[in-house]
């Protein structure tokens, strides 16, 4: 079982939010909603508390912390995957949130991804055993390293994954109606940045405040909606902040996401950009993240987790030297290392969630 950090989750939350407030304008109402949502389940708690996870991670010991370092996603979990359209209009599936990107041992992302899947299994959202979950992730990860990486394009390949992704696409009518009902924002709007992100000739722009996500609740988030070429288009601006790993000095690469995205093996989303202090992205019915609750009942979970492992290697193995070094380190690890680490972190997460439910909601 993972050892305890020197502070508890309630203290860490207060300290982290004080640090965050020194860098961005906090939306207090959204932060209170985040505190409430942290009590929902260990899985939601995990998603909301990367700043705490990275402290727990340090207790796992030197063998994992000393692994080959790489540009990492940081806040990786099973709902950090989704779809977008690339410059060719193709539907792409992969990791779609790099808010906490930083430089970490490659083992970190694998343990966090596996832990999230194990917690989802505890909530009956996955049916595989913890061992099978970890094996599937490692199979996909290792194969991707060996093959040199490849983006996951949902066209002529990955029909099974395309079926899963398409079943999760939001109804356009419901999607746009929900955005259009958001109240108009008056204060703190990055208007010029949003206007510049729209297609040329877009008209009737309206900008609203938006509440979304879990881990990013509390950060200002705005959505602009406009008419373009006979239909609606939307762009979102979310406040950028350095990764919580920099707060703890676990990583000093505060601009890792800016450096990461141009290097990873990826079919680029042309609507995504980091324009500090904002992150800009396109919103559309077919640009959506995975919601585990919304996945079709009939699905191959082993294949899905292998794809998540594959995509993680696309991020870590952004050049041949990095892939070779990681593959060498991975092959030297004892069988069952990921299961042991994920089990320890899942147990720790449940323990901390219970403490938060008892003490933390009034924070």
Protein backbone atom coordinates (compact mmCIF):
# COMPACT_ATOMS: atom_id res chain seq x y z
CA UNK A 1 0.00 0.00 0.00
CA UNK A 2 1.22 3.51 -0.81
CA UNK A 3 2.66 5.52 2.05
CA UNK A 4 1.00 8.76 3.11
CA UNK A 5 2.39 12.17 2.08
CA UNK A 6 3.24 14.66 4.80
CA UNK A 7 -0.15 16.43 4.46
CA UNK A 8 -3.73 15.18 4.00
CA UNK A 9 -6.10 15.72 1.07
CA UNK A 10 -7.96 18.59 2.76
CA UNK A 11 -4.77 20.53 3.48
CA UNK A 12 -3.34 19.78 0.04
CA UNK A 13 -6.53 21.01 -1.63
CA UNK A 14 -6.44 24.28 0.28
CA UNK A 15 -2.74 24.83 -0.48
CA UNK A 16 -3.06 23.97 -4.16
CA UNK A 17 -6.06 26.24 -4.69
CA UNK A 18 -4.23 29.09 -2.99
CA UNK A 19 -1.33 28.56 -5.38
CA UNK A 20 -3.67 28.33 -8.37
CA UNK A 21 -5.46 31.54 -7.36
CA UNK A 22 -2.12 33.35 -7.49
CA UNK A 23 -1.90 32.50 -11.20
CA UNK A 24 -5.46 32.69 -12.56
CA UNK A 25 -8.78 34.26 -11.59
CA UNK A 26 -10.65 31.51 -9.75
CA UNK A 27 -14.40 31.02 -10.32
CA UNK A 28 -15.51 30.35 -6.74
CA UNK A 29 -18.89 28.83 -7.61
CA UNK A 30 -17.25 26.31 -9.95
CA UNK A 31 -14.71 25.43 -7.30
CA UNK A 32 -17.49 24.69 -4.82
CA UNK A 33 -19.09 22.42 -7.43
CA UNK A 34 -15.75 20.64 -7.83
CA UNK A 35 -15.57 20.04 -4.08
CA UNK A 36 -19.05 18.52 -4.17
CA UNK A 37 -18.25 16.32 -7.15
CA UNK A 38 -15.12 14.99 -5.47
CA UNK A 39 -17.46 13.13 -3.10
CA UNK A 40 -19.29 11.27 -5.90
CA UNK A 41 -16.94 8.30 -6.27
CA UNK A 42 -13.24 7.39 -6.09
CA UNK A 43 -13.08 7.60 -9.91
CA UNK A 44 -14.43 11.18 -10.01
CA UNK A 45 -12.18 12.05 -7.05
CA UNK A 46 -9.18 10.80 -9.03
CA UNK A 47 -10.11 12.97 -12.02
CA UNK A 48 -10.46 16.05 -9.82
CA UNK A 49 -7.25 15.79 -7.80
CA UNK A 50 -4.13 15.50 -9.92
CA UNK A 51 -2.45 17.91 -7.47
CA UNK A 52 -2.96 15.24 -4.77
CA UNK A 53 -2.23 12.25 -6.98
CA UNK A 54 1.22 13.58 -7.85
CA UNK A 55 2.05 13.64 -4.11
CA UNK A 56 0.79 10.10 -3.63
CA UNK A 57 2.79 9.05 -6.67
CA UNK A 58 6.01 10.12 -4.95
CA UNK A 59 5.41 7.50 -2.24
CA UNK A 60 5.60 4.53 -4.63
CA UNK A 61 9.37 4.37 -4.40
CA UNK A 62 12.50 4.77 -6.49
CA UNK A 63 12.00 1.95 -9.04
CA UNK A 64 9.10 3.81 -10.68
CA UNK A 65 10.31 7.35 -10.05
CA UNK A 66 13.71 6.54 -11.58
CA UNK A 67 12.27 5.28 -14.88
CA UNK A 68 13.09 6.88 -18.21
CA UNK A 69 11.60 10.39 -18.24
CA UNK A 70 9.41 11.68 -21.03
CA UNK A 71 7.00 14.44 -21.80
CA UNK A 72 3.90 13.10 -20.06
CA UNK A 73 0.16 13.77 -20.15
CA UNK A 74 0.13 13.97 -16.35
CA UNK A 75 -3.61 13.86 -15.72
CA UNK A 76 -4.19 10.68 -17.72
CA UNK A 77 -7.31 8.56 -17.12
CA UNK A 78 -9.85 6.58 -19.13
CA UNK A 79 -12.01 9.68 -19.78
CA UNK A 80 -9.08 11.68 -21.12
CA UNK A 81 -9.66 10.26 -24.61
CA UNK A 82 -11.97 11.54 -27.29
CA UNK A 83 -12.45 12.51 -30.92
CA UNK A 84 -11.61 15.47 -33.13
CA UNK A 85 -11.30 16.30 -36.83
CA UNK A 86 -7.86 16.81 -38.36
CA UNK A 87 -7.00 19.18 -41.21
CA UNK A 88 -8.21 16.59 -43.72
CA UNK A 89 -11.58 16.29 -42.00
CA UNK A 90 -10.82 12.77 -40.76
CA UNK A 91 -12.21 11.64 -37.42
CA UNK A 92 -9.31 11.06 -35.00
CA UNK A 93 -9.38 9.29 -31.65
CA UNK A 94 -6.83 9.89 -28.92
CA UNK A 95 -5.81 11.85 -25.85
CA UNK A 96 -7.56 15.22 -25.90
CA UNK A 97 -6.56 16.98 -22.67
CA UNK A 98 -3.03 18.14 -21.92
CA UNK A 99 -3.77 20.61 -19.13
CA UNK A 100 -1.32 18.94 -16.74
CA UNK A 101 1.36 18.02 -19.28
CA UNK A 102 4.85 17.98 -17.78
CA UNK A 103 8.03 15.92 -17.79
CA UNK A 104 7.74 12.75 -15.69
CA UNK A 105 8.89 9.10 -15.72
CA UNK A 106 6.97 7.26 -18.45
CA UNK A 107 5.68 4.88 -15.76
CA UNK A 108 3.59 7.67 -14.25
CA UNK A 109 1.03 7.91 -17.05
CA UNK A 110 0.72 4.13 -17.25
CA UNK A 111 0.05 3.80 -13.52
CA UNK A 112 -2.50 6.63 -13.51
CA UNK A 113 -4.32 5.25 -16.56
CA UNK A 114 -4.43 1.74 -15.08
CA UNK A 115 -5.56 3.06 -11.69
CA UNK A 116 -8.43 4.97 -13.28
CA UNK A 117 -9.56 1.85 -15.13
CA UNK A 118 -9.39 -0.22 -11.94
CA UNK A 119 -11.51 2.38 -10.12
CA UNK A 120 -13.99 2.39 -13.01
CA UNK A 121 -14.13 -1.41 -12.67
CA UNK A 122 -14.99 -1.01 -8.98
CA UNK A 123 -17.96 1.12 -10.10
CA UNK A 124 -18.98 -1.66 -12.54
CA UNK A 125 -18.09 0.54 -15.51
CA UNK A 126 -15.58 -2.05 -16.74
CA UNK A 127 -15.95 -5.81 -16.42
CA UNK A 128 -12.31 -6.88 -16.83
CA UNK A 129 -10.22 -7.88 -13.84
CA UNK A 130 -7.52 -5.50 -12.62
CA UNK A 131 -4.88 -7.86 -13.97
CA UNK A 132 -6.51 -7.99 -17.41
CA UNK A 133 -6.80 -4.18 -17.43
CA UNK A 134 -3.10 -3.73 -16.76
CA UNK A 135 -2.09 -6.40 -19.27
CA UNK A 136 -4.19 -4.81 -22.03
CA UNK A 137 -2.72 -1.34 -21.43
CA UNK A 138 0.84 -2.69 -21.46
CA UNK A 139 0.20 -4.76 -24.61
CA UNK A 140 -0.96 -1.71 -26.54
CA UNK A 141 1.81 0.47 -25.15
CA UNK A 142 4.59 -2.00 -25.94
CA UNK A 143 3.32 -2.77 -29.44
CA UNK A 144 3.14 0.92 -30.29
CA UNK A 145 6.74 1.44 -29.17
CA UNK A 146 7.88 -1.52 -31.29
CA UNK A 147 6.02 -0.33 -34.40
CA UNK A 148 7.23 3.24 -34.16
CA UNK A 149 3.87 4.77 -33.29
CA UNK A 150 0.88 5.72 -35.41
CA UNK A 151 -2.10 8.05 -34.85
CA UNK A 152 -5.49 6.38 -34.51
CA UNK A 153 -7.51 7.52 -37.53
CA UNK A 154 -11.10 6.25 -37.49
CA UNK A 155 -11.42 5.67 -41.21
CA UNK A 156 -10.40 2.48 -42.97
CA UNK A 157 -8.88 1.07 -39.75
CA UNK A 158 -10.25 0.62 -36.24
CA UNK A 159 -13.85 -0.10 -37.28
CA UNK A 160 -14.59 -1.44 -33.78
CA UNK A 161 -13.31 1.80 -32.20
CA UNK A 162 -15.14 3.94 -34.75
CA UNK A 163 -18.38 2.19 -33.76
CA UNK A 164 -17.70 3.03 -30.11
CA UNK A 165 -16.82 6.64 -30.91
CA UNK A 166 -19.78 7.22 -33.21
CA UNK A 167 -22.17 5.81 -30.67
CA UNK A 168 -20.93 8.48 -28.26
CA UNK A 169 -21.27 11.48 -30.61
CA UNK A 170 -23.67 14.05 -29.29
CA UNK A 171 -26.92 14.85 -31.06
CA UNK A 172 -26.25 18.14 -32.94
CA UNK A 173 -29.61 19.64 -32.04
CA UNK A 174 -29.17 18.95 -28.32
CA UNK A 175 -25.52 20.02 -28.44
CA UNK A 176 -26.17 23.44 -29.98
CA UNK A 177 -29.33 24.07 -27.99
CA UNK A 178 -27.42 23.53 -24.76
CA UNK A 179 -24.67 25.97 -25.76
CA UNK A 180 -27.13 28.61 -26.97
CA UNK A 181 -28.93 28.54 -23.61
CA UNK A 182 -25.80 29.55 -21.70
CA UNK A 183 -26.03 33.10 -20.30
CA UNK A 184 -24.02 35.83 -22.02
CA UNK A 185 -20.69 36.53 -20.28
CA UNK A 186 -19.88 40.12 -19.35
CA UNK A 187 -16.60 40.07 -17.42
CA UNK A 188 -13.17 38.63 -18.00
CA UNK A 189 -13.92 37.55 -21.58
CA UNK A 190 -10.91 37.02 -23.90
CA UNK A 191 -12.97 38.38 -26.78
CA UNK A 192 -10.17 39.17 -29.21
CA UNK A 193 -8.67 35.70 -28.80
CA UNK A 194 -11.99 33.95 -29.40
CA UNK A 195 -12.85 36.14 -32.39
CA UNK A 196 -9.48 35.37 -33.97
CA UNK A 197 -10.13 31.62 -33.59
CA UNK A 198 -13.34 31.67 -35.68
CA UNK A 199 -13.40 30.99 -39.43
CA UNK A 200 -13.13 34.08 -41.60
CA UNK A 201 -16.51 35.72 -42.09
CA UNK A 202 -18.17 34.28 -38.97
CA UNK A 203 -21.02 36.50 -37.78
CA UNK A 204 -23.39 36.93 -34.85
CA UNK A 205 -20.81 35.99 -32.25
CA UNK A 206 -22.09 35.51 -28.72
CA UNK A 207 -19.81 34.58 -25.81
CA UNK A 208 -20.98 32.76 -22.69
CA UNK A 209 -19.38 31.37 -19.57
CA UNK A 210 -19.25 27.56 -19.59
CA UNK A 211 -18.95 25.05 -16.77
CA UNK A 212 -17.44 21.70 -17.76
CA UNK A 213 -14.94 19.04 -16.75
CA UNK A 214 -13.95 18.02 -13.25
CA UNK A 215 -10.26 18.66 -12.66
CA UNK A 216 -10.45 22.06 -14.36
CA UNK A 217 -13.50 23.28 -12.43
CA UNK A 218 -12.67 26.65 -10.93
CA UNK A 219 -10.78 27.87 -13.99
CA UNK A 220 -12.54 30.50 -16.12
CA UNK A 221 -14.00 28.91 -19.25
CA UNK A 222 -15.79 30.75 -22.06
CA UNK A 223 -17.45 29.57 -25.25
CA UNK A 224 -18.07 31.68 -28.33
CA UNK A 225 -20.81 30.67 -30.79
CA UNK A 226 -21.20 32.14 -34.28
CA UNK A 227 -22.81 31.60 -37.68
CA UNK A 228 -20.47 30.45 -40.45
CA UNK A 229 -21.28 29.19 -43.95
CA UNK A 230 -24.86 28.35 -43.08
CA UNK A 231 -24.32 26.69 -39.72
CA UNK A 232 -23.12 27.15 -36.17
CA UNK A 233 -19.50 26.98 -35.03
CA UNK A 234 -18.05 27.23 -31.53
CA UNK A 235 -14.70 27.95 -29.93
CA UNK A 236 -13.80 27.57 -26.27
CA UNK A 237 -11.23 29.46 -24.21
CA UNK A 238 -10.14 27.86 -20.93
CA UNK A 239 -7.68 29.47 -18.54
CA UNK A 240 -4.18 28.00 -18.77
CA UNK A 241 -2.13 27.33 -15.64
CA UNK A 242 1.13 25.46 -15.06
CA UNK A 243 0.86 21.78 -14.19
CA UNK A 244 0.40 20.95 -10.51
CA UNK A 245 3.64 19.00 -10.87
CA UNK A 246 5.48 22.33 -11.13
CA UNK A 247 3.78 23.52 -7.93
CA UNK A 248 5.32 20.57 -6.13
CA UNK A 249 8.61 20.91 -8.03
CA UNK A 250 8.20 17.34 -9.28
CA UNK A 251 8.75 18.80 -12.74
CA UNK A 252 10.06 22.23 -13.71
CA UNK A 253 8.73 22.08 -17.27
CA UNK A 254 5.83 24.52 -16.90
CA UNK A 255 5.49 24.91 -20.66
CA UNK A 256 5.54 21.18 -21.38
CA UNK A 257 2.20 21.14 -23.21
CA UNK A 258 3.40 23.81 -25.64
CA UNK A 259 6.50 21.73 -26.40
CA UNK A 260 4.72 18.40 -26.23
CA UNK A 261 2.02 18.70 -28.85
CA UNK A 262 4.25 19.55 -31.84
CA UNK A 263 6.44 16.53 -31.07
CA UNK A 264 4.03 13.70 -30.29
CA UNK A 265 2.87 11.23 -32.91
CA UNK A 266 -0.50 12.78 -33.59
CA UNK A 267 -3.02 13.78 -36.26
CA UNK A 268 -3.22 17.42 -35.22
CA UNK A 269 -6.47 19.09 -34.22
CA UNK A 270 -6.26 22.42 -36.14
CA UNK A 271 -8.77 23.98 -33.75
CA UNK A 272 -6.55 23.47 -30.69
CA UNK A 273 -3.96 26.01 -29.59
CA UNK A 274 -2.27 27.16 -26.40
CA UNK A 275 -2.27 30.95 -26.33
CA UNK A 276 -1.18 31.59 -22.78
CA UNK A 277 -2.90 32.42 -20.53
CA UNK A 278 -5.65 30.59 -22.47
CA UNK A 279 -6.20 27.24 -24.16
CA UNK A 280 -8.32 27.48 -27.33
CA UNK A 281 -10.19 24.58 -28.92
CA UNK A 282 -13.02 23.89 -31.31
CA UNK A 283 -16.28 22.56 -29.87
CA UNK A 284 -18.59 20.46 -32.04
CA UNK A 285 -20.80 17.37 -31.69
CA UNK A 286 -18.02 15.20 -33.12
CA UNK A 287 -15.31 16.73 -30.92
CA UNK A 288 -16.14 14.92 -27.71
CA UNK A 289 -14.41 13.06 -24.92
CA UNK A 290 -15.17 9.54 -23.77
CA UNK A 291 -17.77 9.28 -21.04
CA UNK A 292 -17.46 5.79 -19.58
CA UNK A 293 -21.13 5.83 -18.55
CA UNK A 294 -22.13 6.47 -22.18
CA UNK A 295 -20.07 3.70 -23.79
CA UNK A 296 -22.18 1.09 -25.59
CA UNK A 297 -22.93 -1.99 -23.54
CA UNK A 298 -21.52 -4.23 -26.25
CA UNK A 299 -17.84 -3.33 -26.54
CA UNK A 300 -14.45 -5.01 -26.49
CA UNK A 301 -12.91 -3.55 -23.34
CA UNK A 302 -9.60 -5.28 -23.90
CA UNK A 303 -9.23 -3.65 -27.32
CA UNK A 304 -10.30 -0.28 -25.93
CA UNK A 305 -7.67 -0.38 -23.17
CA UNK A 306 -5.03 -1.59 -25.63
CA UNK A 307 -5.85 1.45 -27.78
CA UNK A 308 -5.43 3.69 -24.73
CA UNK A 309 -2.04 2.11 -24.07
CA UNK A 310 -1.11 2.56 -27.74
CA UNK A 311 -2.06 6.23 -27.71
CA UNK A 312 -0.08 6.79 -24.51
CA UNK A 313 3.00 5.45 -26.27
CA UNK A 314 2.31 7.84 -29.17
CA UNK A 315 2.78 10.66 -26.65
CA UNK A 316 5.83 9.25 -24.84
CA UNK A 317 7.68 7.83 -27.83
CA UNK A 318 7.91 10.96 -29.95
CA UNK A 319 11.28 9.98 -31.45
CA UNK A 320 13.18 6.73 -32.05
CA UNK A 321 15.74 7.31 -29.30
CA UNK A 322 12.99 7.88 -26.73
CA UNK A 323 11.08 4.78 -27.88
CA UNK A 324 14.20 2.62 -27.67
CA UNK A 325 15.09 3.84 -24.18
CA UNK A 326 11.56 3.35 -22.85
CA UNK A 327 11.22 -0.09 -24.46
CA UNK A 328 14.51 -1.18 -22.89
CA UNK A 329 13.41 0.00 -19.44
CA UNK A 330 9.97 -1.57 -19.84
CA UNK A 331 11.37 -4.98 -20.82
CA UNK A 332 13.58 -5.03 -17.72
CA UNK A 333 10.66 -4.62 -15.31
CA UNK A 334 9.29 -7.57 -13.39
CA UNK A 335 5.97 -9.07 -14.43
CA UNK A 336 3.10 -7.56 -12.49
CA UNK A 337 4.76 -4.22 -11.73
CA UNK A 338 1.88 -2.20 -13.20
CA UNK A 339 -0.79 -4.22 -11.39
CA UNK A 340 1.03 -3.78 -8.07
CA UNK A 341 1.42 -0.01 -8.54
CA UNK A 342 -2.14 0.53 -9.80
CA UNK A 343 -3.57 -1.54 -6.94
CA UNK A 344 -1.62 0.51 -4.38
CA UNK A 345 -2.75 3.79 -5.93
CA UNK A 346 -6.38 2.63 -6.22
CA UNK A 347 -6.39 1.69 -2.52
CA UNK A 348 -4.87 5.05 -1.62
CA UNK A 349 -7.41 6.89 -3.75
CA UNK A 350 -10.34 5.14 -2.06
CA UNK A 351 -8.87 5.93 1.36
CA UNK A 352 -8.43 9.62 0.46
CA UNK A 353 -11.90 9.83 -1.07
CA UNK A 354 -13.42 8.56 2.16
CA UNK A 355 -11.48 11.16 4.14
CA UNK A 356 -12.67 13.88 1.75
CA UNK A 357 -16.28 12.78 2.16
CA UNK A 358 -15.93 13.09 5.94
CA UNK A 359 -13.96 16.34 6.11
CA UNK A 360 -13.39 18.03 2.81
CA UNK A 361 -16.69 19.27 1.37
CA UNK A 362 -16.64 22.37 3.53
CA UNK A 363 -13.16 23.36 2.27
